[in-house]
Every structure is written in C-alpha cells, then in structure tokens.
C-alpha cells in the first residue's frame, strides 16, 4: 500500500551533509517540531520483523520510504511489541548497504550497524538487524556460529539492488 506522506514546509538544511535530518524537539514553546514524514513517499506502510532473540515475544515494525528530492530509499523503525525504546529516524538504505558490503566476509554483531543511525538508543542497532533479517528485506541471516551474530545473505547483491531501486 502506497501513501503520500504529509508535505508541510521543508526541513531546513544544516551543514553540508546529505540526507534528511532527524526529527528534532521544539526549542521553545512557540517553535514547531519538524514533521518526520515531510518529503517522503511511503513504499511500505508497515513491515514486520521477528526480534533477534528466540525467547523474545513480539515483533518489530518498520517502514520503507522514498525521499522525494533525493530519489533515495530510507527505512525506519516505527514500533515494537513487548517494549524497548528506539529512534524513529529515517535510515539511508544506501548507507546500510555500504556498511554491509564492508562486512561481507565475516560474522558480525548488531553494533556494527550503529554508524547507520544518528539516534543512540541502545536498541536501534539490534532492531535494525532484525529488520534486515526479515523476509521483506533479507539482507542478513543469522550466523551459524551464534544466533545473535549476523552474516550477509547469499542473495545480498540482488536484494540490496532491489531495495535501493524500489519505487512507490
């Protein structure tokens, strides 16, 4: 199901970095918070992923969106069952793919994904890893050595290309 995200005033650009800026809290009672959906068209309204621990209950929910100006795909964690805080920022799919390309030859922990996100919630990296293991995304699978470690999936190249080019 595709949905055009609300499009109020564009987020102000700060610095020279590319990509959307994370949602910030209002600096004063009269300031308006930025709209996290501004400039995005949703590709996947609600995806689901199993948590990494086989004993954990609940699922993690995510979205895939296309940044309208950049014409680049992003994903974000939108919720989870069973508790656990997380950031709701948009995460560049390109940055995730580049990070995983550098980890292709060895098992790795979820913390290797921390650089893909601005938010520093301790659950972000593990929740992102769970999403990347989901059948919808499929860029990762569990390592045979340890269930909490990951390896890049055998069909990583085709799946990452599909995720990078997916259209609304």
C-alpha atoms as a PDB file:
ATOM      1  CA  UNK A   1       0.000   0.000   0.000  1.00  0.00           C
ATOM      2  CA  UNK A   2       1.485   3.336  -1.059  1.00  0.00           C
ATOM      3  CA  UNK A   3       0.749   6.579   0.714  1.00  0.00           C
ATOM      4  CA  UNK A   4       1.974  10.114   0.126  1.00  0.00           C
ATOM      5  CA  UNK A   5       3.357  11.472   3.385  1.00  0.00           C
ATOM      6  CA  UNK A   6       2.223  14.904   4.550  1.00  0.00           C
ATOM      7  CA  UNK A   7       4.176  17.705   2.924  1.00  0.00           C
ATOM      8  CA  UNK A   8       4.288  20.825   5.142  1.00  0.00           C
ATOM      9  CA  UNK A   9       7.230  23.195   4.925  1.00  0.00           C
ATOM     10  CA  UNK A  10      10.504  21.504   4.041  1.00  0.00           C
ATOM     11  CA  UNK A  11      13.032  20.736   6.769  1.00  0.00           C
ATOM     12  CA  UNK A  12      15.799  23.340   6.944  1.00  0.00           C
ATOM     13  CA  UNK A  13      19.176  22.082   5.767  1.00  0.00           C
ATOM     14  CA  UNK A  14      22.061  22.345   8.213  1.00  0.00           C
ATOM     15  CA  UNK A  15      25.675  21.881   7.288  1.00  0.00           C
ATOM     16  CA  UNK A  16      26.854  20.148   4.146  1.00  0.00           C
ATOM     17  CA  UNK A  17      25.796  16.590   4.882  1.00  0.00           C
ATOM     18  CA  UNK A  18      23.330  14.883   2.609  1.00  0.00           C
ATOM     19  CA  UNK A  19      20.216  13.034   3.658  1.00  0.00           C
ATOM     20  CA  UNK A  20      17.253  14.032   5.738  1.00  0.00           C
ATOM     21  CA  UNK A  21      17.864  15.424   9.174  1.00  0.00           C
ATOM     22  CA  UNK A  22      16.454  13.625  12.213  1.00  0.00           C
ATOM     23  CA  UNK A  23      13.318  14.992  13.780  1.00  0.00           C
ATOM     24  CA  UNK A  24      14.181  17.476  16.482  1.00  0.00           C
ATOM     25  CA  UNK A  25      12.232  18.584  19.521  1.00  0.00           C
ATOM     26  CA  UNK A  26      10.924  22.136  19.574  1.00  0.00           C
ATOM     27  CA  UNK A  27      13.478  24.531  21.087  1.00  0.00           C
ATOM     28  CA  UNK A  28      10.836  26.745  22.688  1.00  0.00           C
ATOM     29  CA  UNK A  29       7.106  26.555  23.448  1.00  0.00           C
ATOM     30  CA  UNK A  30       6.360  28.600  20.301  1.00  0.00           C
ATOM     31  CA  UNK A  31       8.631  26.649  17.914  1.00  0.00           C
ATOM     32  CA  UNK A  32       7.024  23.954  15.782  1.00  0.00           C
ATOM     33  CA  UNK A  33       8.556  20.443  15.709  1.00  0.00           C
ATOM     34  CA  UNK A  34       9.674  19.179  12.319  1.00  0.00           C
ATOM     35  CA  UNK A  35       7.405  16.678  10.550  1.00  0.00           C
ATOM     36  CA  UNK A  36       9.234  13.336  10.245  1.00  0.00           C
ATOM     37  CA  UNK A  37       7.228  12.443   7.102  1.00  0.00           C
ATOM     38  CA  UNK A  38       7.819  15.694   5.202  1.00  0.00           C
ATOM     39  CA  UNK A  39       9.346  14.964   1.824  1.00  0.00           C
ATOM     40  CA  UNK A  40       8.847  11.182   1.935  1.00  0.00           C
ATOM     41  CA  UNK A  41       6.547   8.911  -0.041  1.00  0.00           C
ATOM     42  CA  UNK A  42       5.870   5.616   1.700  1.00  0.00           C
ATOM     43  CA  UNK A  43       6.699   2.476  -0.268  1.00  0.00           C
ATOM     44  CA  UNK A  44       5.896   0.012   2.502  1.00  0.00           C
ATOM     45  CA  UNK A  45       3.495   1.330   5.130  1.00  0.00           C
ATOM     46  CA  UNK A  46       4.101  -1.395   7.730  1.00  0.00           C
ATOM     47  CA  UNK A  47       6.604  -4.231   7.538  1.00  0.00           C
ATOM     48  CA  UNK A  48       7.160  -6.734  10.340  1.00  0.00           C
ATOM     49  CA  UNK A  49      10.269  -8.483  11.632  1.00  0.00           C
ATOM     50  CA  UNK A  50      10.870 -11.067  14.341  1.00  0.00           C
ATOM     51  CA  UNK A  51      13.062  -9.971  17.229  1.00  0.00           C
ATOM     52  CA  UNK A  52      16.551 -11.473  17.305  1.00  0.00           C
ATOM     53  CA  UNK A  53      16.145 -13.484  20.499  1.00  0.00           C
ATOM     54  CA  UNK A  54      14.262 -16.747  20.035  1.00  0.00           C
ATOM     55  CA  UNK A  55      12.774 -16.255  23.517  1.00  0.00           C
ATOM     56  CA  UNK A  56      11.615 -12.660  22.937  1.00  0.00           C
ATOM     57  CA  UNK A  57       7.937 -12.074  22.343  1.00  0.00           C
ATOM     58  CA  UNK A  58       6.519  -9.610  19.856  1.00  0.00           C
ATOM     59  CA  UNK A  59       7.658  -8.157  16.583  1.00  0.00           C
ATOM     60  CA  UNK A  60       9.373  -5.035  15.297  1.00  0.00           C
ATOM     61  CA  UNK A  61       7.571  -2.802  12.809  1.00  0.00           C
ATOM     62  CA  UNK A  62       9.172  -0.714  10.085  1.00  0.00           C
ATOM     63  CA  UNK A  63       8.505   1.419   7.036  1.00  0.00           C
ATOM     64  CA  UNK A  64      10.302   1.948   3.756  1.00  0.00           C
ATOM     65  CA  UNK A  65      10.042   5.386   2.187  1.00  0.00           C
ATOM     66  CA  UNK A  66      11.453   7.302  -0.739  1.00  0.00           C
ATOM     67  CA  UNK A  67      12.890  10.751  -0.069  1.00  0.00           C
ATOM     68  CA  UNK A  68      11.231  12.848  -2.756  1.00  0.00           C
ATOM     69  CA  UNK A  69      14.072  15.292  -3.519  1.00  0.00           C
ATOM     70  CA  UNK A  70      16.947  12.806  -3.339  1.00  0.00           C
ATOM     71  CA  UNK A  71      15.030   9.978  -5.034  1.00  0.00           C
ATOM     72  CA  UNK A  72      16.699   7.680  -2.477  1.00  0.00           C
ATOM     73  CA  UNK A  73      15.162   4.996  -0.279  1.00  0.00           C
ATOM     74  CA  UNK A  74      15.140   5.020   3.509  1.00  0.00           C
ATOM     75  CA  UNK A  75      13.729   2.822   6.234  1.00  0.00           C
ATOM     76  CA  UNK A  76      12.743   3.455   9.818  1.00  0.00           C
ATOM     77  CA  UNK A  77      11.652   1.610  12.919  1.00  0.00           C
ATOM     78  CA  UNK A  78       8.067   2.598  13.754  1.00  0.00           C
ATOM     79  CA  UNK A  79       7.336   0.373  16.742  1.00  0.00           C
ATOM     80  CA  UNK A  80       7.727  -2.905  18.517  1.00  0.00           C
ATOM     81  CA  UNK A  81       5.686  -5.231  20.645  1.00  0.00           C
ATOM     82  CA  UNK A  82       6.975  -6.064  24.076  1.00  0.00           C
ATOM     83  CA  UNK A  83       8.782  -2.846  24.898  1.00  0.00           C
ATOM     84  CA  UNK A  84      12.137  -1.298  24.166  1.00  0.00           C
ATOM     85  CA  UNK A  85      12.859   2.297  23.178  1.00  0.00           C
ATOM     86  CA  UNK A  86      14.197   3.176  19.742  1.00  0.00           C
ATOM     87  CA  UNK A  87      14.709   6.145  17.434  1.00  0.00           C
ATOM     88  CA  UNK A  88      12.158   6.780  14.692  1.00  0.00           C
ATOM     89  CA  UNK A  89      14.567   8.470  12.302  1.00  0.00           C
ATOM     90  CA  UNK A  90      14.771   7.652   8.603  1.00  0.00           C
ATOM     91  CA  UNK A  91      17.853   5.491   7.892  1.00  0.00           C
ATOM     92  CA  UNK A  92      19.535   5.640   4.490  1.00  0.00           C
ATOM     93  CA  UNK A  93      19.272   2.312   2.664  1.00  0.00           C
ATOM     94  CA  UNK A  94      22.398   3.254   0.721  1.00  0.00           C
ATOM     95  CA  UNK A  95      24.355   3.716   3.962  1.00  0.00           C
ATOM     96  CA  UNK A  96      23.099   0.354   5.274  1.00  0.00           C
ATOM     97  CA  UNK A  97      24.083  -1.423   2.047  1.00  0.00           C
ATOM     98  CA  UNK A  98      27.548   0.185   2.046  1.00  0.00           C
ATOM     99  CA  UNK A  99      28.066  -0.821   5.688  1.00  0.00           C
ATOM    100  CA  UNK A 100      27.038  -4.418   4.950  1.00  0.00           C
ATOM    101  CA  UNK A 101      29.275  -4.626   1.867  1.00  0.00           C
ATOM    102  CA  UNK A 102      32.229  -3.964   4.179  1.00  0.00           C
ATOM    103  CA  UNK A 103      31.131  -6.818   6.472  1.00  0.00           C
ATOM    104  CA  UNK A 104      30.541  -9.495   3.824  1.00  0.00           C
ATOM    105  CA  UNK A 105      33.343 -11.828   4.759  1.00  0.00           C
ATOM    106  CA  UNK A 106      32.766 -12.363   8.467  1.00  0.00           C
ATOM    107  CA  UNK A 107      30.052 -12.757  11.118  1.00  0.00           C
ATOM    108  CA  UNK A 108      29.354  -9.529  12.998  1.00  0.00           C
ATOM    109  CA  UNK A 109      27.342  -8.148  15.905  1.00  0.00           C
ATOM    110  CA  UNK A 110      24.432  -5.727  15.615  1.00  0.00           C
ATOM    111  CA  UNK A 111      26.650  -2.933  16.963  1.00  0.00           C
ATOM    112  CA  UNK A 112      28.361  -2.836  13.554  1.00  0.00           C
ATOM    113  CA  UNK A 113      25.184  -1.085  12.307  1.00  0.00           C
ATOM    114  CA  UNK A 114      25.349   1.816  14.807  1.00  0.00           C
ATOM    115  CA  UNK A 115      27.014   4.076  12.248  1.00  0.00           C
ATOM    116  CA  UNK A 116      23.932   3.889  10.019  1.00  0.00           C
ATOM    117  CA  UNK A 117      21.874   5.879  12.517  1.00  0.00           C
ATOM    118  CA  UNK A 118      22.069   9.226  14.252  1.00  0.00           C
ATOM    119  CA  UNK A 119      19.897   8.221  17.225  1.00  0.00           C
ATOM    120  CA  UNK A 120      21.744   6.470  20.019  1.00  0.00           C
ATOM    121  CA  UNK A 121      19.075   4.288  21.612  1.00  0.00           C
ATOM    122  CA  UNK A 122      20.708   1.055  22.719  1.00  0.00           C
ATOM    123  CA  UNK A 123      18.047  -0.938  20.829  1.00  0.00           C
ATOM    124  CA  UNK A 124      18.482   0.764  17.446  1.00  0.00           C
ATOM    125  CA  UNK A 125      21.202  -1.481  16.038  1.00  0.00           C
ATOM    126  CA  UNK A 126      19.564  -4.729  17.159  1.00  0.00           C
ATOM    127  CA  UNK A 127      16.154  -3.660  15.873  1.00  0.00           C
ATOM    128  CA  UNK A 128      17.726  -2.649  12.539  1.00  0.00           C
ATOM    129  CA  UNK A 129      19.491  -6.027  12.314  1.00  0.00           C
ATOM    130  CA  UNK A 130      16.161  -7.789  12.939  1.00  0.00           C
ATOM    131  CA  UNK A 131      14.562  -5.741  10.150  1.00  0.00           C
ATOM    132  CA  UNK A 132      17.426  -6.570   7.786  1.00  0.00           C
ATOM    133  CA  UNK A 133      16.836 -10.289   8.559  1.00  0.00           C
ATOM    134  CA  UNK A 134      13.098 -10.050   7.805  1.00  0.00           C
ATOM    135  CA  UNK A 135      11.774 -11.845   4.707  1.00  0.00           C
ATOM    136  CA  UNK A 136      10.709  -8.456   3.303  1.00  0.00           C
ATOM    137  CA  UNK A 137      14.317  -7.129   3.339  1.00  0.00           C
ATOM    138  CA  UNK A 138      16.501 -10.267   3.543  1.00  0.00           C
ATOM    139  CA  UNK A 139      19.943  -8.633   3.529  1.00  0.00           C
ATOM    140  CA  UNK A 140      21.088 -10.585   6.606  1.00  0.00           C
ATOM    141  CA  UNK A 141      20.702 -14.013   8.132  1.00  0.00           C
ATOM    142  CA  UNK A 142      21.696 -15.476  11.478  1.00  0.00           C
ATOM    143  CA  UNK A 143      25.260 -16.698  11.748  1.00  0.00           C
ATOM    144  CA  UNK A 144      25.606 -20.458  12.109  1.00  0.00           C
ATOM    145  CA  UNK A 145      28.115 -19.841  14.905  1.00  0.00           C
ATOM    146  CA  UNK A 146      25.909 -17.712  17.188  1.00  0.00           C
ATOM    147  CA  UNK A 147      22.245 -16.709  16.821  1.00  0.00           C
ATOM    148  CA  UNK A 148      22.877 -13.079  17.844  1.00  0.00           C
ATOM    149  CA  UNK A 149      25.555 -12.608  15.187  1.00  0.00           C
ATOM    150  CA  UNK A 150      24.774 -11.918  11.554  1.00  0.00           C
ATOM    151  CA  UNK A 151      26.146 -12.699   8.127  1.00  0.00           C
ATOM    152  CA  UNK A 152      25.274 -11.091   4.827  1.00  0.00           C
ATOM    153  CA  UNK A 153      22.754 -13.234   2.924  1.00  0.00           C
ATOM    154  CA  UNK A 154      23.781 -15.261  -0.126  1.00  0.00           C
ATOM    155  CA  UNK A 155      21.489 -13.157  -2.358  1.00  0.00           C
ATOM    156  CA  UNK A 156      22.667  -9.857  -0.879  1.00  0.00           C
ATOM    157  CA  UNK A 157      23.562  -8.267  -4.234  1.00  0.00           C
ATOM    158  CA  UNK A 158      20.148  -8.792  -5.824  1.00  0.00           C
ATOM    159  CA  UNK A 159      18.228  -7.950  -2.644  1.00  0.00           C
ATOM    160  CA  UNK A 160      20.207  -4.769  -1.974  1.00  0.00           C
ATOM    161  CA  UNK A 161      19.757  -3.628  -5.570  1.00  0.00           C
ATOM    162  CA  UNK A 162      16.030  -4.257  -5.293  1.00  0.00           C
ATOM    163  CA  UNK A 163      15.792  -2.343  -2.012  1.00  0.00           C
ATOM    164  CA  UNK A 164      17.801   0.605  -3.362  1.00  0.00           C
ATOM    165  CA  UNK A 165      15.668   0.916  -6.506  1.00  0.00           C
ATOM    166  CA  UNK A 166      12.237   0.026  -5.115  1.00  0.00           C
ATOM    167  CA  UNK A 167       9.610   2.557  -6.205  1.00  0.00           C
ATOM    168  CA  UNK A 168       6.354   3.733  -4.577  1.00  0.00           C
END
